[in-house]
Amino acid sequence: MLCMVAERRSLILRGVLDICLLALLDDEQSVYGYELTERLGARDLLVAGGSSYPLLARLEKSGLVRSEQRPSPSGPPRKYYSLTEQGREALDSGRAEWNAVAASVTALLNTPGEST
């Protein structure tokens, strides 16, 4: 049962991870990839770095985020991401979609005996 719960949570998160990443970038000048993953984890949204980076690349290719390389205080340069205007519009749309779906699911799950 616990495995099913973890799998369900993972599937739900995968469906909204793009919106979550855009939301984290909304109020920031720019953030590097590892820090985004850490911020998700701080909100109990545990994501492997291997999931975030390909998605960030797709968001960049779609024009929703931009990136730039900056020197790191230690180690190789870091890639910093920031939201574009198109990304801000996608975030607004994604928020509206999420709120509508979440409200419908919450209403259904909180209605005892609902069978239709």
PDB file of N, CA and C in Angstrom:
ATOM      1  N   MET A   1       0.824  -1.199   0.000  1.00  0.00           N
ATOM      2  CA  MET A   1       0.000   0.000   0.000  1.00  0.00           C
ATOM      3  C   MET A   1       0.863   1.255   0.000  1.00  0.00           C
ATOM      4  N   LEU A   2       1.905   1.257   0.832  1.00  0.00           N
ATOM      5  CA  LEU A   2       2.790   2.416   0.910  1.00  0.00           C
ATOM      6  C   LEU A   2       3.463   2.674  -0.426  1.00  0.00           C
ATOM      7  N   CYS A   3       3.805   1.616  -1.134  1.00  0.00           N
ATOM      8  CA  CYS A   3       4.431   1.727  -2.450  1.00  0.00           C
ATOM      9  C   CYS A   3       3.469   2.389  -3.439  1.00  0.00           C
ATOM     10  N   MET A   4       2.182   2.030  -3.368  1.00  0.00           N
ATOM     11  CA  MET A   4       1.182   2.629  -4.255  1.00  0.00           C
ATOM     12  C   MET A   4       1.032   4.115  -3.983  1.00  0.00           C
ATOM     13  N   VAL A   5       1.079   4.507  -2.721  1.00  0.00           N
ATOM     14  CA  VAL A   5       0.961   5.914  -2.349  1.00  0.00           C
ATOM     15  C   VAL A   5       2.142   6.703  -2.906  1.00  0.00           C
ATOM     16  N   ALA A   6       3.339   6.163  -2.750  1.00  0.00           N
ATOM     17  CA  ALA A   6       4.536   6.835  -3.260  1.00  0.00           C
ATOM     18  C   ALA A   6       4.490   6.937  -4.779  1.00  0.00           C
ATOM     19  N   GLU A   7       4.025   5.885  -5.432  1.00  0.00           N
ATOM     20  CA  GLU A   7       3.937   5.901  -6.895  1.00  0.00           C
ATOM     21  C   GLU A   7       2.912   6.932  -7.363  1.00  0.00           C
ATOM     22  N   ARG A   8       1.765   7.001  -6.691  1.00  0.00           N
ATOM     23  CA  ARG A   8       0.735   7.976  -7.050  1.00  0.00           C
ATOM     24  C   ARG A   8       1.273   9.390  -6.891  1.00  0.00           C
ATOM     25  N   ARG A   9       1.941   9.635  -5.772  1.00  0.00           N
ATOM     26  CA  ARG A   9       2.508  10.966  -5.518  1.00  0.00           C
ATOM     27  C   ARG A   9       3.519  11.330  -6.601  1.00  0.00           C
ATOM     28  N   SER A  10       4.343  10.373  -6.985  1.00  0.00           N
ATOM     29  CA  SER A  10       5.342  10.600  -8.023  1.00  0.00           C
ATOM     30  C   SER A  10       4.683  10.927  -9.363  1.00  0.00           C
ATOM     31  N   LEU A  11       3.634  10.201  -9.706  1.00  0.00           N
ATOM     32  CA  LEU A  11       2.924  10.452 -10.963  1.00  0.00           C
ATOM     33  C   LEU A  11       2.271  11.828 -10.975  1.00  0.00           C
ATOM     34  N   ILE A  12       1.668  12.203  -9.865  1.00  0.00           N
ATOM     35  CA  ILE A  12       1.041  13.527  -9.772  1.00  0.00           C
ATOM     36  C   ILE A  12       2.100  14.610  -9.928  1.00  0.00           C
ATOM     37  N   LEU A  13       3.216  14.452  -9.225  1.00  0.00           N
ATOM     38  CA  LEU A  13       4.277  15.455  -9.287  1.00  0.00           C
ATOM     39  C   LEU A  13       4.835  15.574 -10.701  1.00  0.00           C
ATOM     40  N   ARG A  14       5.032  14.450 -11.372  1.00  0.00           N
ATOM     41  CA  ARG A  14       5.536  14.501 -12.750  1.00  0.00           C
ATOM     42  C   ARG A  14       4.614  15.311 -13.646  1.00  0.00           C
ATOM     43  N   GLY A  15       3.321  15.249 -13.376  1.00  0.00           N
ATOM     44  CA  GLY A  15       2.352  15.979 -14.186  1.00  0.00           C
ATOM     45  C   GLY A  15       2.366  17.476 -13.981  1.00  0.00           C
ATOM     46  N   VAL A  16       2.892  17.928 -12.856  1.00  0.00           N
ATOM     47  CA  VAL A  16       2.884  19.366 -12.565  1.00  0.00           C
ATOM     48  C   VAL A  16       4.276  19.929 -12.290  1.00  0.00           C
ATOM     49  N   LEU A  17       5.307  19.127 -12.506  1.00  0.00           N
ATOM     50  CA  LEU A  17       6.669  19.572 -12.204  1.00  0.00           C
ATOM     51  C   LEU A  17       7.057  20.803 -13.011  1.00  0.00           C
ATOM     52  N   ASP A  18       6.616  20.875 -14.262  1.00  0.00           N
ATOM     53  CA  ASP A  18       6.946  22.049 -15.065  1.00  0.00           C
ATOM     54  C   ASP A  18       6.382  23.322 -14.439  1.00  0.00           C
ATOM     55  N   ILE A  19       5.136  23.267 -13.989  1.00  0.00           N
ATOM     56  CA  ILE A  19       4.512  24.431 -13.362  1.00  0.00           C
ATOM     57  C   ILE A  19       5.226  24.778 -12.057  1.00  0.00           C
ATOM     58  N   CYS A  20       5.614  23.762 -11.299  1.00  0.00           N
ATOM     59  CA  CYS A  20       6.327  23.990 -10.040  1.00  0.00           C
ATOM     60  C   CYS A  20       7.666  24.684 -10.284  1.00  0.00           C
ATOM     61  N   LEU A  21       8.402  24.244 -11.295  1.00  0.00           N
ATOM     62  CA  LEU A  21       9.685  24.884 -11.604  1.00  0.00           C
ATOM     63  C   LEU A  21       9.472  26.327 -12.047  1.00  0.00           C
ATOM     64  N   LEU A  22       8.472  26.566 -12.880  1.00  0.00           N
ATOM     65  CA  LEU A  22       8.182  27.938 -13.305  1.00  0.00           C
ATOM     66  C   LEU A  22       7.806  28.803 -12.103  1.00  0.00           C
ATOM     67  N   ALA A  23       7.032  28.248 -11.171  1.00  0.00           N
ATOM     68  CA  ALA A  23       6.632  29.002  -9.979  1.00  0.00           C
ATOM     69  C   ALA A  23       7.838  29.371  -9.122  1.00  0.00           C
ATOM     70  N   LEU A  24       8.794  28.461  -9.002  1.00  0.00           N
ATOM     71  CA  LEU A  24       9.994  28.765  -8.218  1.00  0.00           C
ATOM     72  C   LEU A  24      10.818  29.876  -8.861  1.00  0.00           C
ATOM     73  N   LEU A  25      10.748  29.981 -10.164  1.00  0.00           N
ATOM     74  CA  LEU A  25      11.509  31.015 -10.869  1.00  0.00           C
ATOM     75  C   LEU A  25      10.765  32.344 -10.940  1.00  0.00           C
ATOM     76  N   ASP A  26       9.497  32.356 -10.580  1.00  0.00           N
ATOM     77  CA  ASP A  26       8.656  33.537 -10.756  1.00  0.00           C
ATOM     78  C   ASP A  26       9.160  34.757  -9.999  1.00  0.00           C
ATOM     79  N   ASP A  27       9.596  34.588  -8.779  1.00  0.00           N
ATOM     80  CA  ASP A  27      10.004  35.731  -7.959  1.00  0.00           C
ATOM     81  C   ASP A  27      11.511  35.922  -7.901  1.00  0.00           C
ATOM     82  N   GLU A  28      12.241  35.139  -8.637  1.00  0.00           N
ATOM     83  CA  GLU A  28      13.704  35.158  -8.541  1.00  0.00           C
ATOM     84  C   GLU A  28      14.326  35.796  -9.773  1.00  0.00           C
ATOM     85  N   GLN A  29      15.506  36.388  -9.586  1.00  0.00           N
ATOM     86  CA  GLN A  29      16.278  36.878 -10.726  1.00  0.00           C
ATOM     87  C   GLN A  29      16.749  35.690 -11.551  1.00  0.00           C
ATOM     88  N   SER A  30      17.451  34.772 -10.923  1.00  0.00           N
ATOM     89  CA  SER A  30      17.877  33.538 -11.572  1.00  0.00           C
ATOM     90  C   SER A  30      18.340  32.553 -10.505  1.00  0.00           C
ATOM     91  N   VAL A  31      18.155  31.280 -10.804  1.00  0.00           N
ATOM     92  CA  VAL A  31      18.459  30.216  -9.848  1.00  0.00           C
ATOM     93  C   VAL A  31      19.129  29.084 -10.617  1.00  0.00           C
ATOM     94  N   TYR A  32      20.129  28.446 -10.005  1.00  0.00           N
ATOM     95  CA  TYR A  32      20.764  27.327 -10.695  1.00  0.00           C
ATOM     96  C   TYR A  32      19.997  26.038 -10.421  1.00  0.00           C
ATOM     97  N   GLY A  33      20.189  25.064 -11.315  1.00  0.00           N
ATOM     98  CA  GLY A  33      19.383  23.850 -11.332  1.00  0.00           C
ATOM     99  C   GLY A  33      19.333  23.097 -10.022  1.00  0.00           C
ATOM    100  N   TYR A  34      20.484  22.878  -9.405  1.00  0.00           N
ATOM    101  CA  TYR A  34      20.518  22.121  -8.152  1.00  0.00           C
ATOM    102  C   TYR A  34      19.707  22.832  -7.072  1.00  0.00           C
ATOM    103  N   GLU A  35      19.792  24.149  -7.041  1.00  0.00           N
ATOM    104  CA  GLU A  35      19.047  24.916  -6.040  1.00  0.00           C
ATOM    105  C   GLU A  35      17.537  24.759  -6.251  1.00  0.00           C
ATOM    106  N   LEU A  36      17.101  24.697  -7.500  1.00  0.00           N
ATOM    107  CA  LEU A  36      15.676  24.475  -7.769  1.00  0.00           C
ATOM    108  C   LEU A  36      15.218  23.136  -7.201  1.00  0.00           C
ATOM    109  N   THR A  37      16.022  22.101  -7.409  1.00  0.00           N
ATOM    110  CA  THR A  37      15.700  20.774  -6.872  1.00  0.00           C
ATOM    111  C   THR A  37      15.647  20.813  -5.348  1.00  0.00           C
ATOM    112  N   GLU A  38      16.580  21.525  -4.730  1.00  0.00           N
ATOM    113  CA  GLU A  38      16.589  21.662  -3.268  1.00  0.00           C
ATOM    114  C   GLU A  38      15.341  22.394  -2.773  1.00  0.00           C
ATOM    115  N   ARG A  39      14.933  23.432  -3.480  1.00  0.00           N
ATOM    116  CA  ARG A  39      13.739  24.191  -3.074  1.00  0.00           C
ATOM    117  C   ARG A  39      12.469  23.351  -3.206  1.00  0.00           C
ATOM    118  N   LEU A  40      12.418  22.512  -4.222  1.00  0.00           N
ATOM    119  CA  LEU A  40      11.285  21.589  -4.327  1.00  0.00           C
ATOM    120  C   LEU A  40      11.272  20.644  -3.128  1.00  0.00           C
ATOM    121  N   GLY A  41      12.434  20.096  -2.791  1.00  0.00           N
ATOM    122  CA  GLY A  41      12.545  19.185  -1.653  1.00  0.00           C
ATOM    123  C   GLY A  41      12.142  19.837  -0.347  1.00  0.00           C
ATOM    124  N   ALA A  42      12.462  21.115  -0.189  1.00  0.00           N
ATOM    125  CA  ALA A  42      12.088  21.843   1.027  1.00  0.00           C
ATOM    126  C   ALA A  42      10.573  21.967   1.160  1.00  0.00           C
ATOM    127  N   ARG A  43       9.866  21.791   0.058  1.00  0.00           N
ATOM    128  CA  ARG A  43       8.400  21.831   0.068  1.00  0.00           C
ATOM    129  C   ARG A  43       7.808  20.417   0.007  1.00  0.00           C
ATOM    130  N   ASP A  44       8.620  19.426   0.360  1.00  0.00           N
ATOM    131  CA  ASP A  44       8.211  18.014   0.336  1.00  0.00           C
ATOM    132  C   ASP A  44       7.843  17.522  -1.062  1.00  0.00           C
ATOM    133  N   LEU A  45       8.409  18.148  -2.077  1.00  0.00           N
ATOM    134  CA  LEU A  45       8.251  17.700  -3.457  1.00  0.00           C
ATOM    135  C   LEU A  45       9.592  17.133  -3.884  1.00  0.00           C
ATOM    136  N   LEU A  46       9.809  15.869  -3.553  1.00  0.00           N
ATOM    137  CA  LEU A  46      11.110  15.244  -3.762  1.00  0.00           C
ATOM    138  C   LEU A  46      11.264  14.806  -5.210  1.00  0.00           C
ATOM    139  N   VAL A  47      12.286  15.364  -5.849  1.00  0.00           N
ATOM    140  CA  VAL A  47      12.551  15.104  -7.258  1.00  0.00           C
ATOM    141  C   VAL A  47      14.033  14.820  -7.419  1.00  0.00           C
ATOM    142  N   ALA A  48      14.352  13.789  -8.165  1.00  0.00           N
ATOM    143  CA  ALA A  48      15.760  13.514  -8.467  1.00  0.00           C
ATOM    144  C   ALA A  48      16.255  14.571  -9.448  1.00  0.00           C
ATOM    145  N   GLY A  49      17.500  14.978  -9.276  1.00  0.00           N
ATOM    146  CA  GLY A  49      18.077  15.961 -10.185  1.00  0.00           C
ATOM    147  C   GLY A  49      17.971  15.521 -11.629  1.00  0.00           C
ATOM    148  N   GLY A  50      18.016  14.222 -11.843  1.00  0.00           N
ATOM    149  CA  GLY A  50      17.894  13.685 -13.186  1.00  0.00           C
ATOM    150  C   GLY A  50      16.544  13.964 -13.825  1.00  0.00           C
ATOM    151  N   SER A  51      15.540  14.296 -13.030  1.00  0.00           N
ATOM    152  CA  SER A  51      14.224  14.649 -13.567  1.00  0.00           C
ATOM    153  C   SER A  51      14.142  16.133 -13.889  1.00  0.00           C
ATOM    154  N   SER A  52      14.789  16.949 -13.082  1.00  0.00           N
ATOM    155  CA  SER A  52      14.696  18.398 -13.242  1.00  0.00           C
ATOM    156  C   SER A  52      15.446  18.907 -14.466  1.00  0.00           C
ATOM    157  N   TYR A  53      16.654  18.414 -14.680  1.00  0.00           N
ATOM    158  CA  TYR A  53      17.488  18.977 -15.746  1.00  0.00           C
ATOM    159  C   TYR A  53      16.926  18.756 -17.147  1.00  0.00           C
ATOM    160  N   PRO A  54      16.447  17.564 -17.497  1.00  0.00           N
ATOM    161  CA  PRO A  54      15.840  17.419 -18.828  1.00  0.00           C
ATOM    162  C   PRO A  54      14.604  18.310 -18.999  1.00  0.00           C
ATOM    163  N   LEU A  55      13.830  18.467 -17.918  1.00  0.00           N
ATOM    164  CA  LEU A  55      12.650  19.318 -17.991  1.00  0.00           C
ATOM    165  C   LEU A  55      13.056  20.777 -18.159  1.00  0.00           C
ATOM    166  N   LEU A  56      14.081  21.222 -17.434  1.00  0.00           N
ATOM    167  CA  LEU A  56      14.572  22.590 -17.604  1.00  0.00           C
ATOM    168  C   LEU A  56      15.047  22.817 -19.040  1.00  0.00           C
ATOM    169  N   ALA A  57      15.687  21.819 -19.627  1.00  0.00           N
ATOM    170  CA  ALA A  57      16.136  21.929 -21.024  1.00  0.00           C
ATOM    171  C   ALA A  57      14.932  22.064 -21.961  1.00  0.00           C
ATOM    172  N   ARG A  58      13.863  21.293 -21.711  1.00  0.00           N
ATOM    173  CA  ARG A  58      12.658  21.398 -22.544  1.00  0.00           C
ATOM    174  C   ARG A  58      11.985  22.753 -22.364  1.00  0.00           C
ATOM    175  N   LEU A  59      11.947  23.244 -21.122  1.00  0.00           N
ATOM    176  CA  LEU A  59      11.354  24.558 -20.866  1.00  0.00           C
ATOM    177  C   LEU A  59      12.144  25.651 -21.581  1.00  0.00           C
ATOM    178  N   GLU A  60      13.458  25.495 -21.599  1.00  0.00           N
ATOM    179  CA  GLU A  60      14.301  26.470 -22.291  1.00  0.00           C
ATOM    180  C   GLU A  60      14.072  26.390 -23.805  1.00  0.00           C
ATOM    181  N   LYS A  61      14.025  25.198 -24.338  1.00  0.00           N
ATOM    182  CA  LYS A  61      13.802  25.010 -25.776  1.00  0.00           C
ATOM    183  C   LYS A  61      12.448  25.584 -26.195  1.00  0.00           C
ATOM    184  N   SER A  62      11.470  25.525 -25.290  1.00  0.00           N
ATOM    185  CA  SER A  62      10.128  26.057 -25.558  1.00  0.00           C
ATOM    186  C   SER A  62      10.045  27.565 -25.365  1.00  0.00           C
ATOM    187  N   GLY A  63      11.117  28.165 -24.875  1.00  0.00           N
ATOM    188  CA  GLY A  63      11.129  29.610 -24.677  1.00  0.00           C
ATOM    189  C   GLY A  63      10.511  30.075 -23.374  1.00  0.00           C
ATOM    190  N   LEU A  64      10.277  29.139 -22.439  1.00  0.00           N
ATOM    191  CA  LEU A  64       9.650  29.503 -21.166  1.00  0.00           C
ATOM    192  C   LEU A  64      10.670  29.939 -20.120  1.00  0.00           C
ATOM    193  N   VAL A  65      11.891  29.463 -20.245  1.00  0.00           N
ATOM    194  CA  VAL A  65      12.990  29.903 -19.374  1.00  0.00           C
ATOM    195  C   VAL A  65      14.206  30.190 -20.250  1.00  0.00           C
ATOM    196  N   ARG A  66      15.111  30.972 -19.710  1.00  0.00           N
ATOM    197  CA  ARG A  66      16.405  31.194 -20.359  1.00  0.00           C
ATOM    198  C   ARG A  66      17.477  30.798 -19.365  1.00  0.00           C
ATOM    199  N   SER A  67      18.653  30.512 -19.880  1.00  0.00           N
ATOM    200  CA  SER A  67      19.739  30.121 -18.984  1.00  0.00           C
ATOM    201  C   SER A  67      21.009  30.867 -19.351  1.00  0.00           C
ATOM    202  N   GLU A  68      21.902  30.929 -18.373  1.00  0.00           N
ATOM    203  CA  GLU A  68      23.235  31.488 -18.598  1.00  0.00           C
ATOM    204  C   GLU A  68      24.212  30.780 -17.669  1.00  0.00           C
ATOM    205  N   GLN A  69      25.416  30.580 -18.159  1.00  0.00           N
ATOM    206  CA  GLN A  69      26.475  29.955 -17.361  1.00  0.00           C
ATOM    207  C   GLN A  69      27.172  31.038 -16.549  1.00  0.00           C
ATOM    208  N   ARG A  70      27.425  30.718 -15.287  1.00  0.00           N
ATOM    209  CA  ARG A  70      28.174  31.626 -14.410  1.00  0.00           C
ATOM    210  C   ARG A  70      29.227  30.820 -13.673  1.00  0.00           C
ATOM    211  N   PRO A  71      30.334  31.467 -13.346  1.00  0.00           N
ATOM    212  CA  PRO A  71      31.364  30.762 -12.574  1.00  0.00           C
ATOM    213  C   PRO A  71      30.810  30.332 -11.217  1.00  0.00           C
ATOM    214  N   SER A  72      31.291  29.213 -10.747  1.00  0.00           N
ATOM    215  CA  SER A  72      30.912  28.692  -9.436  1.00  0.00           C
ATOM    216  C   SER A  72      32.023  29.012  -8.451  1.00  0.00           C
ATOM    217  N   PRO A  73      31.677  29.282  -7.185  1.00  0.00           N
ATOM    218  CA  PRO A  73      32.725  29.505  -6.182  1.00  0.00           C
ATOM    219  C   PRO A  73      33.625  28.284  -6.024  1.00  0.00           C
ATOM    220  N   SER A  74      33.067  27.113  -6.345  1.00  0.00           N
ATOM    221  CA  SER A  74      33.870  25.888  -6.305  1.00  0.00           C
ATOM    222  C   SER A  74      33.364  24.953  -7.390  1.00  0.00           C
ATOM    223  N   GLY A  75      34.255  24.406  -8.164  1.00  0.00           N
ATOM    224  CA  GLY A  75      33.854  23.458  -9.199  1.00  0.00           C
ATOM    225  C   GLY A  75      33.550  24.120 -10.527  1.00  0.00           C
ATOM    226  N   PRO A  76      32.881  23.366 -11.396  1.00  0.00           N
ATOM    227  CA  PRO A  76      32.596  23.867 -12.745  1.00  0.00           C
ATOM    228  C   PRO A  76      31.551  24.983 -12.726  1.00  0.00           C
ATOM    229  N   PRO A  77      31.413  25.714 -13.828  1.00  0.00           N
ATOM    230  CA  PRO A  77      30.396  26.777 -13.891  1.00  0.00           C
ATOM    231  C   PRO A  77      28.994  26.203 -13.669  1.00  0.00           C
ATOM    232  N   ARG A  78      28.108  27.054 -13.188  1.00  0.00           N
ATOM    233  CA  ARG A  78      26.719  26.653 -12.941  1.00  0.00           C
ATOM    234  C   ARG A  78      25.818  27.284 -13.995  1.00  0.00           C
ATOM    235  N   LYS A  79      24.757  26.572 -14.320  1.00  0.00           N
ATOM    236  CA  LYS A  79      23.772  27.082 -15.263  1.00  0.00           C
ATOM    237  C   LYS A  79      22.620  27.679 -14.455  1.00  0.00           C
ATOM    238  N   TYR A  80      22.400  28.970 -14.626  1.00  0.00           N
ATOM    239  CA  TYR A  80      21.338  29.678 -13.919  1.00  0.00           C
ATOM    240  C   TYR A  80      20.145  29.870 -14.849  1.00  0.00           C
ATOM    241  N   TYR A  81      18.954  29.691 -14.295  1.00  0.00           N
ATOM    242  CA  TYR A  81      17.722  29.782 -15.078  1.00  0.00           C
ATOM    243  C   TYR A  81      16.887  30.957 -14.600  1.00  0.00           C
ATOM    244  N   SER A  82      16.188  31.583 -15.543  1.00  0.00           N
ATOM    245  CA  SER A  82      15.244  32.645 -15.206  1.00  0.00           C
ATOM    246  C   SER A  82      14.018  32.515 -16.106  1.00  0.00           C
ATOM    247  N   LEU A  83      12.933  33.088 -15.652  1.00  0.00           N
ATOM    248  CA  LEU A  83      11.651  32.994 -16.344  1.00  0.00           C
ATOM    249  C   LEU A  83      11.578  34.041 -17.454  1.00  0.00           C
ATOM    250  N   THR A  84      11.049  33.666 -18.605  1.00  0.00           N
ATOM    251  CA  THR A  84      10.791  34.616 -19.682  1.00  0.00           C
ATOM    252  C   THR A  84       9.353  35.116 -19.549  1.00  0.00           C
ATOM    253  N   GLU A  85       8.992  36.105 -20.341  1.00  0.00           N
ATOM    254  CA  GLU A  85       7.616  36.590 -20.329  1.00  0.00           C
ATOM    255  C   GLU A  85       6.664  35.476 -20.779  1.00  0.00           C
ATOM    256  N   GLN A  86       7.076  34.713 -21.766  1.00  0.00           N
ATOM    257  CA  GLN A  86       6.274  33.569 -22.222  1.00  0.00           C
ATOM    258  C   GLN A  86       6.132  32.534 -21.096  1.00  0.00           C
ATOM    259  N   GLY A  87       7.186  32.364 -20.314  1.00  0.00           N
ATOM    260  CA  GLY A  87       7.139  31.458 -19.170  1.00  0.00           C
ATOM    261  C   GLY A  87       6.177  31.942 -18.104  1.00  0.00           C
ATOM    262  N   ARG A  88       6.142  33.254 -17.910  1.00  0.00           N
ATOM    263  CA  ARG A  88       5.220  33.835 -16.926  1.00  0.00           C
ATOM    264  C   ARG A  88       3.772  33.586 -17.360  1.00  0.00           C
ATOM    265  N   GLU A  89       3.511  33.732 -18.652  1.00  0.00           N
ATOM    266  CA  GLU A  89       2.164  33.467 -19.174  1.00  0.00           C
ATOM    267  C   GLU A  89       1.805  31.987 -19.015  1.00  0.00           C
ATOM    268  N   ALA A  90       2.758  31.103 -19.297  1.00  0.00           N
ATOM    269  CA  ALA A  90       2.523  29.664 -19.128  1.00  0.00           C
ATOM    270  C   ALA A  90       2.270  29.327 -17.661  1.00  0.00           C
ATOM    271  N   LEU A  91       2.974  30.002 -16.760  1.00  0.00           N
ATOM    272  CA  LEU A  91       2.767  29.786 -15.327  1.00  0.00           C
ATOM    273  C   LEU A  91       1.357  30.204 -14.923  1.00  0.00           C
ATOM    274  N   ASP A  92       0.914  31.365 -15.384  1.00  0.00           N
ATOM    275  CA  ASP A  92      -0.441  31.821 -15.059  1.00  0.00           C
ATOM    276  C   ASP A  92      -1.484  30.824 -15.552  1.00  0.00           C
ATOM    277  N   SER A  93      -1.302  30.342 -16.771  1.00  0.00           N
ATOM    278  CA  SER A  93      -2.217  29.352 -17.340  1.00  0.00           C
ATOM    279  C   SER A  93      -2.156  28.041 -16.553  1.00  0.00           C
ATOM    280  N   GLY A  94      -0.954  27.599 -16.222  1.00  0.00           N
ATOM    281  CA  GLY A  94      -0.775  26.365 -15.459  1.00  0.00           C
ATOM    282  C   GLY A  94      -1.388  26.446 -14.075  1.00  0.00           C
ATOM    283  N   ARG A  95      -1.253  27.605 -13.440  1.00  0.00           N
ATOM    284  CA  ARG A  95      -1.879  27.793 -12.117  1.00  0.00           C
ATOM    285  C   ARG A  95      -3.393  27.654 -12.218  1.00  0.00           C
ATOM    286  N   ALA A  96      -3.977  28.291 -13.228  1.00  0.00           N
ATOM    287  CA  ALA A  96      -5.431  28.221 -13.401  1.00  0.00           C
ATOM    288  C   ALA A  96      -5.873  26.778 -13.651  1.00  0.00           C
ATOM    289  N   GLU A  97      -5.133  26.061 -14.505  1.00  0.00           N
ATOM    290  CA  GLU A  97      -5.459  24.659 -14.777  1.00  0.00           C
ATOM    291  C   GLU A  97      -5.367  23.825 -13.501  1.00  0.00           C
ATOM    292  N   TRP A  98      -4.272  23.996 -12.753  1.00  0.00           N
ATOM    293  CA  TRP A  98      -4.081  23.225 -11.523  1.00  0.00           C
ATOM    294  C   TRP A  98      -5.196  23.520 -10.526  1.00  0.00           C
ATOM    295  N   ASN A  99      -5.523  24.796 -10.341  1.00  0.00           N
ATOM    296  CA  ASN A  99      -6.558  25.164  -9.373  1.00  0.00           C
ATOM    297  C   ASN A  99      -7.906  24.554  -9.750  1.00  0.00           C
ATOM    298  N   ALA A 100      -8.228  24.527 -11.041  1.00  0.00           N
ATOM    299  CA  ALA A 100      -9.497  23.942 -11.481  1.00  0.00           C
ATOM    300  C   ALA A 100      -9.514  22.433 -11.234  1.00  0.00           C
ATOM    301  N   VAL A 101      -8.441  21.744 -11.614  1.00  0.00           N
ATOM    302  CA  VAL A 101      -8.374  20.290 -11.413  1.00  0.00           C
ATOM    303  C   VAL A 101      -8.376  19.956  -9.923  1.00  0.00           C
ATOM    304  N   ALA A 102      -7.568  20.675  -9.143  1.00  0.00           N
ATOM    305  CA  ALA A 102      -7.478  20.406  -7.703  1.00  0.00           C
ATOM    306  C   ALA A 102      -8.828  20.624  -7.025  1.00  0.00           C
ATOM    307  N   ALA A 103      -9.547  21.673  -7.425  1.00  0.00           N
ATOM    308  CA  ALA A 103     -10.857  21.938  -6.828  1.00  0.00           C
ATOM    309  C   ALA A 103     -11.840  20.813  -7.160  1.00  0.00           C
ATOM    310  N   SER A 104     -11.826  20.349  -8.397  1.00  0.00           N
ATOM    311  CA  SER A 104     -12.737  19.265  -8.800  1.00  0.00           C
ATOM    312  C   SER A 104     -12.419  17.965  -8.073  1.00  0.00           C
ATOM    313  N   VAL A 105     -11.141  17.625  -7.991  1.00  0.00           N
ATOM    314  CA  VAL A 105     -10.738  16.389  -7.315  1.00  0.00           C
ATOM    315  C   VAL A 105     -11.046  16.481  -5.823  1.00  0.00           C
ATOM    316  N   THR A 106     -10.758  17.622  -5.211  1.00  0.00           N
ATOM    317  CA  THR A 106     -11.039  17.806  -3.786  1.00  0.00           C
ATOM    318  C   THR A 106     -12.533  17.667  -3.515  1.00  0.00           C
ATOM    319  N   ALA A 107     -13.354  18.277  -4.355  1.00  0.00           N
ATOM    320  CA  ALA A 107     -14.804  18.174  -4.171  1.00  0.00           C
ATOM    321  C   ALA A 107     -15.264  16.722  -4.287  1.00  0.00           C
ATOM    322  N   LEU A 108     -14.733  16.005  -5.259  1.00  0.00           N
ATOM    323  CA  LEU A 108     -15.115  14.604  -5.437  1.00  0.00           C
ATOM    324  C   LEU A 108     -14.673  13.747  -4.255  1.00  0.00           C
ATOM    325  N   LEU A 109     -13.435  13.906  -3.833  1.00  0.00           N
ATOM    326  CA  LEU A 109     -12.910  13.077  -2.745  1.00  0.00           C
ATOM    327  C   LEU A 109     -13.555  13.387  -1.405  1.00  0.00           C
ATOM    328  N   ASN A 110     -14.067  14.591  -1.244  1.00  0.00           N
ATOM    329  CA  ASN A 110     -14.680  14.981   0.022  1.00  0.00           C
ATOM    330  C   ASN A 110     -16.198  14.817   0.024  1.00  0.00           C
ATOM    331  N   THR A 111     -16.741  14.192  -1.019  1.00  0.00           N
ATOM    332  CA  THR A 111     -18.175  13.942  -1.082  1.00  0.00           C
ATOM    333  C   THR A 111     -18.425  12.479  -0.746  1.00  0.00           C
ATOM    334  N   PRO A 112     -18.939  12.204   0.459  1.00  0.00           N
ATOM    335  CA  PRO A 112     -19.166  10.813   0.854  1.00  0.00           C
ATOM    336  C   PRO A 112     -20.194  10.137  -0.058  1.00  0.00           C
ATOM    337  N   GLY A 113     -19.910   8.893  -0.406  1.00  0.00           N
ATOM    338  CA  GLY A 113     -20.859   8.092  -1.165  1.00  0.00           C
ATOM    339  C   GLY A 113     -21.015   8.496  -2.614  1.00  0.00           C
ATOM    340  N   GLU A 114     -20.157   9.341  -3.125  1.00  0.00           N
ATOM    341  CA  GLU A 114     -20.252   9.766  -4.528  1.00  0.00           C
ATOM    342  C   GLU A 114     -19.940   8.578  -5.430  1.00  0.00           C
ATOM    343  N   SER A 115     -20.877   8.239  -6.311  1.00  0.00           N
ATOM    344  CA  SER A 115     -20.648   7.083  -7.184  1.00  0.00           C
ATOM    345  C   SER A 115     -20.899   7.402  -8.649  1.00  0.00           C
ATOM    346  N   THR A 116     -21.295   8.603  -8.962  1.00  0.00           N
ATOM    347  CA  THR A 116     -21.550   8.949 -10.368  1.00  0.00           C
ATOM    348  C   THR A 116     -20.679  10.072 -10.823  1.00  0.00           C
TER     349      THR A 116
END
